[in-house]
Amino acid sequence: MITCHCNIITEREIEETVWRLLDEDCWQLIVPIKVYRALEKRGKCCRCFPNVVDIIIRTTEQYHAHAQNSGADLIVFREKLIRLRNHYLGEFNAGPRKGNRAA
C-alpha cells in the first residue's frame, strides 16, 4: 500500500527501513525524517507523517517483540513515540497561527 503519494513510498519500504535502522541501534528514536533520509527522499506535503509514525510504532513493537527485549523498556519507548505522533497531528491540525495575516 502506498503511504506517501508525493514520493511513491510504500508501507513495506518504510517497515524495511525502520527494521534496518533498528538493527543499527535498537533503542534509537526513529522519526519520519530519519526514515525519509534513509530512503533518500524528503517530505513534501508531509501529510503522510502521522501515518508514517503509526507504521514506525507498529514496526518497532514487532522488532522488539521479535528480539524479546524487556516489556518495561518497550512501554516507555512506545509512550515516546505516541507523544511524537500527537505532536505531528497537533501541528497538522492547528491551522493558521495567530498573528499571521493574508497579504
PDB file of N, CA and C in Angstrom:
ATOM      1  N   MET A   1       0.832  -1.166   0.000  1.00  0.00           N
ATOM      2  CA  MET A   1       0.000   0.000   0.000  1.00  0.00           C
ATOM      3  C   MET A   1       0.888   1.245   0.000  1.00  0.00           C
ATOM      4  N   ILE A   2       0.554   2.215  -0.808  1.00  0.00           N
ATOM      5  CA  ILE A   2       1.328   3.452  -0.874  1.00  0.00           C
ATOM      6  C   ILE A   2       0.985   4.319   0.330  1.00  0.00           C
ATOM      7  N   THR A   3       2.008   4.720   1.064  1.00  0.00           N
ATOM      8  CA  THR A   3       1.824   5.565   2.246  1.00  0.00           C
ATOM      9  C   THR A   3       2.057   7.023   1.903  1.00  0.00           C
ATOM     10  N   CYS A   4       3.076   7.295   1.094  1.00  0.00           N
ATOM     11  CA  CYS A   4       3.401   8.665   0.693  1.00  0.00           C
ATOM     12  C   CYS A   4       3.201   8.776  -0.817  1.00  0.00           C
ATOM     13  N   HIS A   5       2.177   9.534  -1.200  1.00  0.00           N
ATOM     14  CA  HIS A   5       1.871   9.681  -2.619  1.00  0.00           C
ATOM     15  C   HIS A   5       2.822  10.658  -3.308  1.00  0.00           C
ATOM     16  N   CYS A   6       3.364  11.610  -2.558  1.00  0.00           N
ATOM     17  CA  CYS A   6       4.295  12.584  -3.160  1.00  0.00           C
ATOM     18  C   CYS A   6       5.581  11.909  -3.634  1.00  0.00           C
ATOM     19  N   ASN A   7       6.078  10.951  -2.841  1.00  0.00           N
ATOM     20  CA  ASN A   7       7.340  10.278  -3.150  1.00  0.00           C
ATOM     21  C   ASN A   7       7.151   8.844  -3.621  1.00  0.00           C
ATOM     22  N   ILE A   8       5.928   8.375  -3.668  1.00  0.00           N
ATOM     23  CA  ILE A   8       5.600   6.985  -4.014  1.00  0.00           C
ATOM     24  C   ILE A   8       6.419   6.038  -3.118  1.00  0.00           C
ATOM     25  N   ILE A   9       6.144   6.114  -1.809  1.00  0.00           N
ATOM     26  CA  ILE A   9       6.792   5.250  -0.820  1.00  0.00           C
ATOM     27  C   ILE A   9       5.726   4.310  -0.275  1.00  0.00           C
ATOM     28  N   THR A  10       6.042   3.022  -0.282  1.00  0.00           N
ATOM     29  CA  THR A  10       5.081   2.041   0.200  1.00  0.00           C
ATOM     30  C   THR A  10       5.275   1.773   1.690  1.00  0.00           C
ATOM     31  N   GLU A  11       4.256   1.210   2.268  1.00  0.00           N
ATOM     32  CA  GLU A  11       4.318   0.832   3.680  1.00  0.00           C
ATOM     33  C   GLU A  11       5.443  -0.170   3.907  1.00  0.00           C
ATOM     34  N   ARG A  12       5.602  -1.083   2.992  1.00  0.00           N
ATOM     35  CA  ARG A  12       6.656  -2.103   3.111  1.00  0.00           C
ATOM     36  C   ARG A  12       8.053  -1.478   3.108  1.00  0.00           C
ATOM     37  N   GLU A  13       8.277  -0.473   2.261  1.00  0.00           N
ATOM     38  CA  GLU A  13       9.575   0.207   2.237  1.00  0.00           C
ATOM     39  C   GLU A  13       9.863   0.877   3.575  1.00  0.00           C
ATOM     40  N   ILE A  14       8.838   1.476   4.161  1.00  0.00           N
ATOM     41  CA  ILE A  14       9.014   2.131   5.460  1.00  0.00           C
ATOM     42  C   ILE A  14       9.327   1.086   6.526  1.00  0.00           C
ATOM     43  N   GLU A  15       8.596  -0.021   6.529  1.00  0.00           N
ATOM     44  CA  GLU A  15       8.836  -1.087   7.505  1.00  0.00           C
ATOM     45  C   GLU A  15      10.255  -1.636   7.382  1.00  0.00           C
ATOM     46  N   GLU A  16      10.701  -1.886   6.167  1.00  0.00           N
ATOM     47  CA  GLU A  16      12.054  -2.414   5.951  1.00  0.00           C
ATOM     48  C   GLU A  16      13.109  -1.418   6.409  1.00  0.00           C
ATOM     49  N   THR A  17      12.871  -0.134   6.152  1.00  0.00           N
ATOM     50  CA  THR A  17      13.821   0.899   6.560  1.00  0.00           C
ATOM     51  C   THR A  17      13.887   1.006   8.080  1.00  0.00           C
ATOM     52  N   VAL A  18      12.740   0.966   8.730  1.00  0.00           N
ATOM     53  CA  VAL A  18      12.711   1.027  10.198  1.00  0.00           C
ATOM     54  C   VAL A  18      13.437  -0.187  10.769  1.00  0.00           C
ATOM     55  N   TRP A  19      13.178  -1.340  10.213  1.00  0.00           N
ATOM     56  CA  TRP A  19      13.839  -2.567  10.688  1.00  0.00           C
ATOM     57  C   TRP A  19      15.359  -2.436  10.550  1.00  0.00           C
ATOM     58  N   ARG A  20      15.802  -1.915   9.419  1.00  0.00           N
ATOM     59  CA  ARG A  20      17.242  -1.740   9.179  1.00  0.00           C
ATOM     60  C   ARG A  20      17.833  -0.733  10.170  1.00  0.00           C
ATOM     61  N   LEU A  21      17.126   0.362  10.417  1.00  0.00           N
ATOM     62  CA  LEU A  21      17.609   1.362  11.375  1.00  0.00           C
ATOM     63  C   LEU A  21      17.686   0.780  12.786  1.00  0.00           C
ATOM     64  N   LEU A  22      16.705  -0.037  13.152  1.00  0.00           N
ATOM     65  CA  LEU A  22      16.720  -0.654  14.470  1.00  0.00           C
ATOM     66  C   LEU A  22      17.831  -1.687  14.600  1.00  0.00           C
ATOM     67  N   ASP A  23      18.209  -2.320  13.499  1.00  0.00           N
ATOM     68  CA  ASP A  23      19.348  -3.238  13.530  1.00  0.00           C
ATOM     69  C   ASP A  23      20.636  -2.484  13.874  1.00  0.00           C
ATOM     70  N   GLU A  24      20.735  -1.231  13.433  1.00  0.00           N
ATOM     71  CA  GLU A  24      21.915  -0.410  13.739  1.00  0.00           C
ATOM     72  C   GLU A  24      21.955  -0.024  15.212  1.00  0.00           C
ATOM     73  N   ASP A  25      20.811   0.410  15.753  1.00  0.00           N
ATOM     74  CA  ASP A  25      20.695   0.799  17.167  1.00  0.00           C
ATOM     75  C   ASP A  25      19.245   0.559  17.566  1.00  0.00           C
ATOM     76  N   CYS A  26      19.020  -0.470  18.355  1.00  0.00           N
ATOM     77  CA  CYS A  26      17.638  -0.884  18.622  1.00  0.00           C
ATOM     78  C   CYS A  26      16.864   0.074  19.521  1.00  0.00           C
ATOM     79  N   TRP A  27      17.514   1.042  20.159  1.00  0.00           N
ATOM     80  CA  TRP A  27      16.791   1.970  21.026  1.00  0.00           C
ATOM     81  C   TRP A  27      16.851   3.408  20.532  1.00  0.00           C
ATOM     82  N   GLN A  28      17.241   3.599  19.299  1.00  0.00           N
ATOM     83  CA  GLN A  28      17.221   4.956  18.763  1.00  0.00           C
ATOM     84  C   GLN A  28      15.787   5.404  18.522  1.00  0.00           C
ATOM     85  N   LEU A  29      15.576   6.689  18.563  1.00  0.00           N
ATOM     86  CA  LEU A  29      14.254   7.239  18.290  1.00  0.00           C
ATOM     87  C   LEU A  29      14.158   7.483  16.796  1.00  0.00           C
ATOM     88  N   ILE A  30      13.258   6.786  16.160  1.00  0.00           N
ATOM     89  CA  ILE A  30      13.102   6.900  14.713  1.00  0.00           C
ATOM     90  C   ILE A  30      11.915   7.806  14.439  1.00  0.00           C
ATOM     91  N   VAL A  31      12.159   8.832  13.669  1.00  0.00           N
ATOM     92  CA  VAL A  31      11.133   9.796  13.285  1.00  0.00           C
ATOM     93  C   VAL A  31      10.993   9.758  11.765  1.00  0.00           C
ATOM     94  N   PRO A  32       9.889  10.286  11.242  1.00  0.00           N
ATOM     95  CA  PRO A  32       9.679  10.219   9.789  1.00  0.00           C
ATOM     96  C   PRO A  32      10.842  10.767   8.964  1.00  0.00           C
ATOM     97  N   ILE A  33      11.430  11.877   9.385  1.00  0.00           N
ATOM     98  CA  ILE A  33      12.512  12.460   8.577  1.00  0.00           C
ATOM     99  C   ILE A  33      13.720  11.528   8.510  1.00  0.00           C
ATOM    100  N   LYS A  34      13.953  10.757   9.572  1.00  0.00           N
ATOM    101  CA  LYS A  34      15.063   9.802   9.558  1.00  0.00           C
ATOM    102  C   LYS A  34      14.785   8.681   8.553  1.00  0.00           C
ATOM    103  N   VAL A  35      13.533   8.248   8.484  1.00  0.00           N
ATOM    104  CA  VAL A  35      13.148   7.214   7.521  1.00  0.00           C
ATOM    105  C   VAL A  35      13.285   7.757   6.099  1.00  0.00           C
ATOM    106  N   TYR A  36      12.797   8.971   5.883  1.00  0.00           N
ATOM    107  CA  TYR A  36      12.875   9.573   4.551  1.00  0.00           C
ATOM    108  C   TYR A  36      14.327   9.774   4.137  1.00  0.00           C
ATOM    109  N   ARG A  37      15.178  10.201   5.059  1.00  0.00           N
ATOM    110  CA  ARG A  37      16.587  10.397   4.727  1.00  0.00           C
ATOM    111  C   ARG A  37      17.233   9.069   4.344  1.00  0.00           C
ATOM    112  N   ALA A  38      16.881   8.000   5.074  1.00  0.00           N
ATOM    113  CA  ALA A  38      17.424   6.679   4.753  1.00  0.00           C
ATOM    114  C   ALA A  38      16.956   6.203   3.376  1.00  0.00           C
ATOM    115  N   LEU A  39      15.761   6.631   2.976  1.00  0.00           N
ATOM    116  CA  LEU A  39      15.229   6.280   1.652  1.00  0.00           C
ATOM    117  C   LEU A  39      15.673   7.262   0.578  1.00  0.00           C
ATOM    118  N   GLU A  40      16.483   8.251   0.968  1.00  0.00           N
ATOM    119  CA  GLU A  40      16.956   9.310   0.074  1.00  0.00           C
ATOM    120  C   GLU A  40      15.788  10.080  -0.542  1.00  0.00           C
ATOM    121  N   LYS A  41      14.805  10.373   0.295  1.00  0.00           N
ATOM    122  CA  LYS A  41      13.632  11.164  -0.098  1.00  0.00           C
ATOM    123  C   LYS A  41      13.525  12.336   0.872  1.00  0.00           C
ATOM    124  N   ARG A  42      12.551  13.198   0.630  1.00  0.00           N
ATOM    125  CA  ARG A  42      12.277  14.282   1.570  1.00  0.00           C
ATOM    126  C   ARG A  42      10.774  14.487   1.655  1.00  0.00           C
ATOM    127  N   GLY A  43      10.336  14.968   2.810  1.00  0.00           N
ATOM    128  CA  GLY A  43       8.918  15.246   2.976  1.00  0.00           C
ATOM    129  C   GLY A  43       8.524  16.422   2.096  1.00  0.00           C
ATOM    130  N   LYS A  44       7.450  16.283   1.379  1.00  0.00           N
ATOM    131  CA  LYS A  44       6.990  17.381   0.515  1.00  0.00           C
ATOM    132  C   LYS A  44       5.783  18.035   1.168  1.00  0.00           C
ATOM    133  N   CYS A  45       4.632  17.406   1.141  1.00  0.00           N
ATOM    134  CA  CYS A  45       3.459  17.999   1.805  1.00  0.00           C
ATOM    135  C   CYS A  45       3.402  17.566   3.272  1.00  0.00           C
ATOM    136  N   CYS A  46       4.042  16.457   3.620  1.00  0.00           N
ATOM    137  CA  CYS A  46       4.160  15.910   4.981  1.00  0.00           C
ATOM    138  C   CYS A  46       2.835  15.453   5.587  1.00  0.00           C
ATOM    139  N   ARG A  47       1.805  15.334   4.800  1.00  0.00           N
ATOM    140  CA  ARG A  47       0.532  14.846   5.319  1.00  0.00           C
ATOM    141  C   ARG A  47       0.580  13.365   5.661  1.00  0.00           C
ATOM    142  N   CYS A  48       1.560  12.661   5.153  1.00  0.00           N
ATOM    143  CA  CYS A  48       1.689  11.238   5.440  1.00  0.00           C
ATOM    144  C   CYS A  48       2.413  10.983   6.764  1.00  0.00           C
ATOM    145  N   PHE A  49       3.034  12.006   7.352  1.00  0.00           N
ATOM    146  CA  PHE A  49       3.851  11.803   8.549  1.00  0.00           C
ATOM    147  C   PHE A  49       3.092  11.140   9.702  1.00  0.00           C
ATOM    148  N   PRO A  50       1.836  11.509  10.003  1.00  0.00           N
ATOM    149  CA  PRO A  50       1.137  10.785  11.078  1.00  0.00           C
ATOM    150  C   PRO A  50       0.998   9.287  10.775  1.00  0.00           C
ATOM    151  N   ASN A  51       0.746   8.931   9.525  1.00  0.00           N
ATOM    152  CA  ASN A  51       0.669   7.512   9.150  1.00  0.00           C
ATOM    153  C   ASN A  51       2.039   6.853   9.239  1.00  0.00           C
ATOM    154  N   VAL A  52       3.080   7.576   8.855  1.00  0.00           N
ATOM    155  CA  VAL A  52       4.439   7.034   8.948  1.00  0.00           C
ATOM    156  C   VAL A  52       4.790   6.780  10.407  1.00  0.00           C
ATOM    157  N   VAL A  53       4.402   7.687  11.298  1.00  0.00           N
ATOM    158  CA  VAL A  53       4.654   7.483  12.725  1.00  0.00           C
ATOM    159  C   VAL A  53       3.941   6.230  13.215  1.00  0.00           C
ATOM    160  N   ASP A  54       2.712   6.007  12.775  1.00  0.00           N
ATOM    161  CA  ASP A  54       1.991   4.789  13.153  1.00  0.00           C
ATOM    162  C   ASP A  54       2.720   3.537  12.661  1.00  0.00           C
ATOM    163  N   ILE A  55       3.234   3.586  11.453  1.00  0.00           N
ATOM    164  CA  ILE A  55       3.994   2.449  10.903  1.00  0.00           C
ATOM    165  C   ILE A  55       5.268   2.246  11.717  1.00  0.00           C
ATOM    166  N   ILE A  56       5.932   3.337  12.075  1.00  0.00           N
ATOM    167  CA  ILE A  56       7.154   3.246  12.884  1.00  0.00           C
ATOM    168  C   ILE A  56       6.842   2.593  14.227  1.00  0.00           C
ATOM    169  N   ILE A  57       5.759   3.008  14.871  1.00  0.00           N
ATOM    170  CA  ILE A  57       5.377   2.438  16.167  1.00  0.00           C
ATOM    171  C   ILE A  57       5.121   0.944  16.037  1.00  0.00           C
ATOM    172  N   ARG A  58       4.307   0.574  15.061  1.00  0.00           N
ATOM    173  CA  ARG A  58       3.958  -0.838  14.880  1.00  0.00           C
ATOM    174  C   ARG A  58       5.197  -1.687  14.559  1.00  0.00           C
ATOM    175  N   THR A  59       6.040  -1.182  13.681  1.00  0.00           N
ATOM    176  CA  THR A  59       7.234  -1.931  13.283  1.00  0.00           C
ATOM    177  C   THR A  59       8.216  -2.043  14.441  1.00  0.00           C
ATOM    178  N   THR A  60       8.347  -0.982  15.215  1.00  0.00           N
ATOM    179  CA  THR A  60       9.248  -1.006  16.374  1.00  0.00           C
ATOM    180  C   THR A  60       8.757  -2.012  17.409  1.00  0.00           C
ATOM    181  N   GLU A  61       7.447  -2.051  17.631  1.00  0.00           N
ATOM    182  CA  GLU A  61       6.894  -3.047  18.558  1.00  0.00           C
ATOM    183  C   GLU A  61       7.173  -4.464  18.065  1.00  0.00           C
ATOM    184  N   GLN A  62       6.989  -4.692  16.776  1.00  0.00           N
ATOM    185  CA  GLN A  62       7.252  -6.016  16.212  1.00  0.00           C
ATOM    186  C   GLN A  62       8.732  -6.371  16.339  1.00  0.00           C
ATOM    187  N   TYR A  63       9.602  -5.402  16.081  1.00  0.00           N
ATOM    188  CA  TYR A  63      11.044  -5.634  16.166  1.00  0.00           C
ATOM    189  C   TYR A  63      11.431  -6.068  17.579  1.00  0.00           C
ATOM    190  N   HIS A  64      10.949  -5.323  18.572  1.00  0.00           N
ATOM    191  CA  HIS A  64      11.317  -5.623  19.954  1.00  0.00           C
ATOM    192  C   HIS A  64      10.639  -6.887  20.473  1.00  0.00           C
ATOM    193  N   ALA A  65       9.454  -7.188  19.986  1.00  0.00           N
ATOM    194  CA  ALA A  65       8.813  -8.453  20.357  1.00  0.00           C
ATOM    195  C   ALA A  65       9.614  -9.623  19.787  1.00  0.00           C
ATOM    196  N   HIS A  66      10.102  -9.445  18.581  1.00  0.00           N
ATOM    197  CA  HIS A  66      10.919 -10.479  17.936  1.00  0.00           C
ATOM    198  C   HIS A  66      12.244 -10.641  18.673  1.00  0.00           C
ATOM    199  N   ALA A  67      12.819  -9.519  19.135  1.00  0.00           N
ATOM    200  CA  ALA A  67      14.096  -9.549  19.838  1.00  0.00           C
ATOM    201  C   ALA A  67      13.925  -9.948  21.301  1.00  0.00           C
ATOM    202  N   GLN A  68      12.679  -9.995  21.788  1.00  0.00           N
ATOM    203  CA  GLN A  68      12.349 -10.377  23.160  1.00  0.00           C
ATOM    204  C   GLN A  68      13.055  -9.488  24.184  1.00  0.00           C
ATOM    205  N   ASN A  69      12.961  -8.170  23.977  1.00  0.00           N
ATOM    206  CA  ASN A  69      13.502  -7.220  24.939  1.00  0.00           C
ATOM    207  C   ASN A  69      12.540  -7.062  26.104  1.00  0.00           C
ATOM    208  N   SER A  70      12.988  -6.369  27.103  1.00  0.00           N
ATOM    209  CA  SER A  70      12.187  -6.143  28.301  1.00  0.00           C
ATOM    210  C   SER A  70      10.899  -5.401  27.963  1.00  0.00           C
ATOM    211  N   GLY A  71       9.784  -5.869  28.486  1.00  0.00           N
ATOM    212  CA  GLY A  71       8.493  -5.234  28.242  1.00  0.00           C
ATOM    213  C   GLY A  71       8.416  -3.832  28.813  1.00  0.00           C
ATOM    214  N   ALA A  72       9.058  -3.592  29.951  1.00  0.00           N
ATOM    215  CA  ALA A  72       9.041  -2.259  30.565  1.00  0.00           C
ATOM    216  C   ALA A  72       9.735  -1.249  29.660  1.00  0.00           C
ATOM    217  N   ASP A  73      10.844  -1.632  29.049  1.00  0.00           N
ATOM    218  CA  ASP A  73      11.546  -0.733  28.132  1.00  0.00           C
ATOM    219  C   ASP A  73      10.683  -0.408  26.928  1.00  0.00           C
ATOM    220  N   LEU A  74       9.946  -1.388  26.437  1.00  0.00           N
ATOM    221  CA  LEU A  74       9.093  -1.203  25.269  1.00  0.00           C
ATOM    222  C   LEU A  74       7.959  -0.231  25.569  1.00  0.00           C
ATOM    223  N   ILE A  75       7.382  -0.314  26.763  1.00  0.00           N
ATOM    224  CA  ILE A  75       6.285   0.583  27.128  1.00  0.00           C
ATOM    225  C   ILE A  75       6.765   2.026  27.168  1.00  0.00           C
ATOM    226  N   VAL A  76       7.918   2.284  27.764  1.00  0.00           N
ATOM    227  CA  VAL A  76       8.467   3.637  27.825  1.00  0.00           C
ATOM    228  C   VAL A  76       8.750   4.148  26.419  1.00  0.00           C
ATOM    229  N   PHE A  77       9.334   3.325  25.585  1.00  0.00           N
ATOM    230  CA  PHE A  77       9.653   3.720  24.221  1.00  0.00           C
ATOM    231  C   PHE A  77       8.385   4.007  23.429  1.00  0.00           C
ATOM    232  N   ARG A  78       7.352   3.176  23.598  1.00  0.00           N
ATOM    233  CA  ARG A  78       6.083   3.361  22.898  1.00  0.00           C
ATOM    234  C   ARG A  78       5.442   4.690  23.293  1.00  0.00           C
ATOM    235  N   GLU A  79       5.511   5.049  24.572  1.00  0.00           N
ATOM    236  CA  GLU A  79       4.949   6.323  25.032  1.00  0.00           C
ATOM    237  C   GLU A  79       5.648   7.503  24.356  1.00  0.00           C
ATOM    238  N   LYS A  80       6.956   7.413  24.181  1.00  0.00           N
ATOM    239  CA  LYS A  80       7.696   8.477  23.488  1.00  0.00           C
ATOM    240  C   LYS A  80       7.217   8.598  22.043  1.00  0.00           C
ATOM    241  N   LEU A  81       7.012   7.480  21.386  1.00  0.00           N
ATOM    242  CA  LEU A  81       6.564   7.509  20.003  1.00  0.00           C
ATOM    243  C   LEU A  81       5.145   8.059  19.880  1.00  0.00           C
ATOM    244  N   ILE A  82       4.284   7.739  20.823  1.00  0.00           N
ATOM    245  CA  ILE A  82       2.914   8.260  20.793  1.00  0.00           C
ATOM    246  C   ILE A  82       2.922   9.769  20.992  1.00  0.00           C
ATOM    247  N   ARG A  83       3.772  10.272  21.878  1.00  0.00           N
ATOM    248  CA  ARG A  83       3.890  11.727  22.059  1.00  0.00           C
ATOM    249  C   ARG A  83       4.363  12.387  20.767  1.00  0.00           C
ATOM    250  N   LEU A  84       5.292  11.756  20.077  1.00  0.00           N
ATOM    251  CA  LEU A  84       5.772  12.294  18.806  1.00  0.00           C
ATOM    252  C   LEU A  84       4.641  12.334  17.784  1.00  0.00           C
ATOM    253  N   ARG A  85       3.859  11.275  17.693  1.00  0.00           N
ATOM    254  CA  ARG A  85       2.737  11.244  16.765  1.00  0.00           C
ATOM    255  C   ARG A  85       1.739  12.356  17.083  1.00  0.00           C
ATOM    256  N   ASN A  86       1.422  12.524  18.358  1.00  0.00           N
ATOM    257  CA  ASN A  86       0.484  13.566  18.757  1.00  0.00           C
ATOM    258  C   ASN A  86       1.028  14.954  18.453  1.00  0.00           C
ATOM    259  N   HIS A  87       2.333  15.118  18.561  1.00  0.00           N
ATOM    260  CA  HIS A  87       2.967  16.392  18.213  1.00  0.00           C
ATOM    261  C   HIS A  87       2.747  16.708  16.734  1.00  0.00           C
ATOM    262  N   TYR A  88       2.982  15.725  15.873  1.00  0.00           N
ATOM    263  CA  TYR A  88       2.784  15.936  14.438  1.00  0.00           C
ATOM    264  C   TYR A  88       1.319  16.169  14.102  1.00  0.00           C
ATOM    265  N   LEU A  89       0.417  15.443  14.732  1.00  0.00           N
ATOM    266  CA  LEU A  89      -1.006  15.644  14.488  1.00  0.00           C
ATOM    267  C   LEU A  89      -1.445  17.025  14.941  1.00  0.00           C
ATOM    268  N   GLY A  90      -0.898  17.494  16.058  1.00  0.00           N
ATOM    269  CA  GLY A  90      -1.254  18.813  16.566  1.00  0.00           C
ATOM    270  C   GLY A  90      -0.831  19.912  15.621  1.00  0.00           C
ATOM    271  N   GLU A  91       0.372  19.805  15.057  1.00  0.00           N
ATOM    272  CA  GLU A  91       0.845  20.814  14.108  1.00  0.00           C
ATOM    273  C   GLU A  91       0.021  20.788  12.836  1.00  0.00           C
ATOM    274  N   PHE A  92      -0.347  19.595  12.388  1.00  0.00           N
ATOM    275  CA  PHE A  92      -1.084  19.462  11.130  1.00  0.00           C
ATOM    276  C   PHE A  92      -2.490  20.026  11.262  1.00  0.00           C
ATOM    277  N   ASN A  93      -3.115  19.836  12.411  1.00  0.00           N
ATOM    278  CA  ASN A  93      -4.490  20.257  12.615  1.00  0.00           C
ATOM    279  C   ASN A  93      -4.621  21.649  13.239  1.00  0.00           C
ATOM    280  N   ALA A  94      -3.514  22.302  13.517  1.00  0.00           N
ATOM    281  CA  ALA A  94      -3.554  23.572  14.252  1.00  0.00           C
ATOM    282  C   ALA A  94      -4.126  24.705  13.405  1.00  0.00           C
ATOM    283  N   GLY A  95      -3.976  24.653  12.108  1.00  0.00           N
ATOM    284  CA  GLY A  95      -4.450  25.742  11.252  1.00  0.00           C
ATOM    285  C   GLY A  95      -3.503  26.933  11.324  1.00  0.00           C
ATOM    286  N   PRO A  96      -3.932  28.086  10.817  1.00  0.00           N
ATOM    287  CA  PRO A  96      -3.047  29.237  10.826  1.00  0.00           C
ATOM    288  C   PRO A  96      -2.781  29.713  12.250  1.00  0.00           C
ATOM    289  N   ARG A  97      -1.586  30.200  12.462  1.00  0.00           N
ATOM    290  CA  ARG A  97      -1.220  30.696  13.786  1.00  0.00           C
ATOM    291  C   ARG A  97      -1.681  32.126  13.950  1.00  0.00           C
ATOM    292  N   LYS A  98      -1.914  32.541  15.171  1.00  0.00           N
ATOM    293  CA  LYS A  98      -2.311  33.906  15.444  1.00  0.00           C
ATOM    294  C   LYS A  98      -1.203  34.852  15.035  1.00  0.00           C
ATOM    295  N   GLY A  99      -1.579  35.961  14.519  1.00  0.00           N
ATOM    296  CA  GLY A  99      -0.591  36.938  14.079  1.00  0.00           C
ATOM    297  C   GLY A  99      -0.251  36.836  12.612  1.00  0.00           C
ATOM    298  N   ASN A 100      -0.618  35.710  11.978  1.00  0.00           N
ATOM    299  CA  ASN A 100      -0.365  35.559  10.548  1.00  0.00           C
ATOM    300  C   ASN A 100      -1.533  36.160   9.793  1.00  0.00           C
ATOM    301  N   ARG A 101      -1.216  36.963   8.815  1.00  0.00           N
ATOM    302  CA  ARG A 101      -2.274  37.588   8.026  1.00  0.00           C
ATOM    303  C   ARG A 101      -2.072  37.240   6.568  1.00  0.00           C
ATOM    304  N   ALA A 102      -3.151  37.177   5.872  1.00  0.00           N
ATOM    305  CA  ALA A 102      -3.066  37.026   4.419  1.00  0.00           C
ATOM    306  C   ALA A 102      -2.704  38.368   3.828  1.00  0.00           C
ATOM    307  N   ALA A 103      -1.891  38.379   2.817  1.00  0.00           N
ATOM    308  CA  ALA A 103      -1.443  39.643   2.217  1.00  0.00           C
ATOM    309  C   ALA A 103      -2.540  40.327   1.477  1.00  0.00           C
TER     310      ALA A 103
END
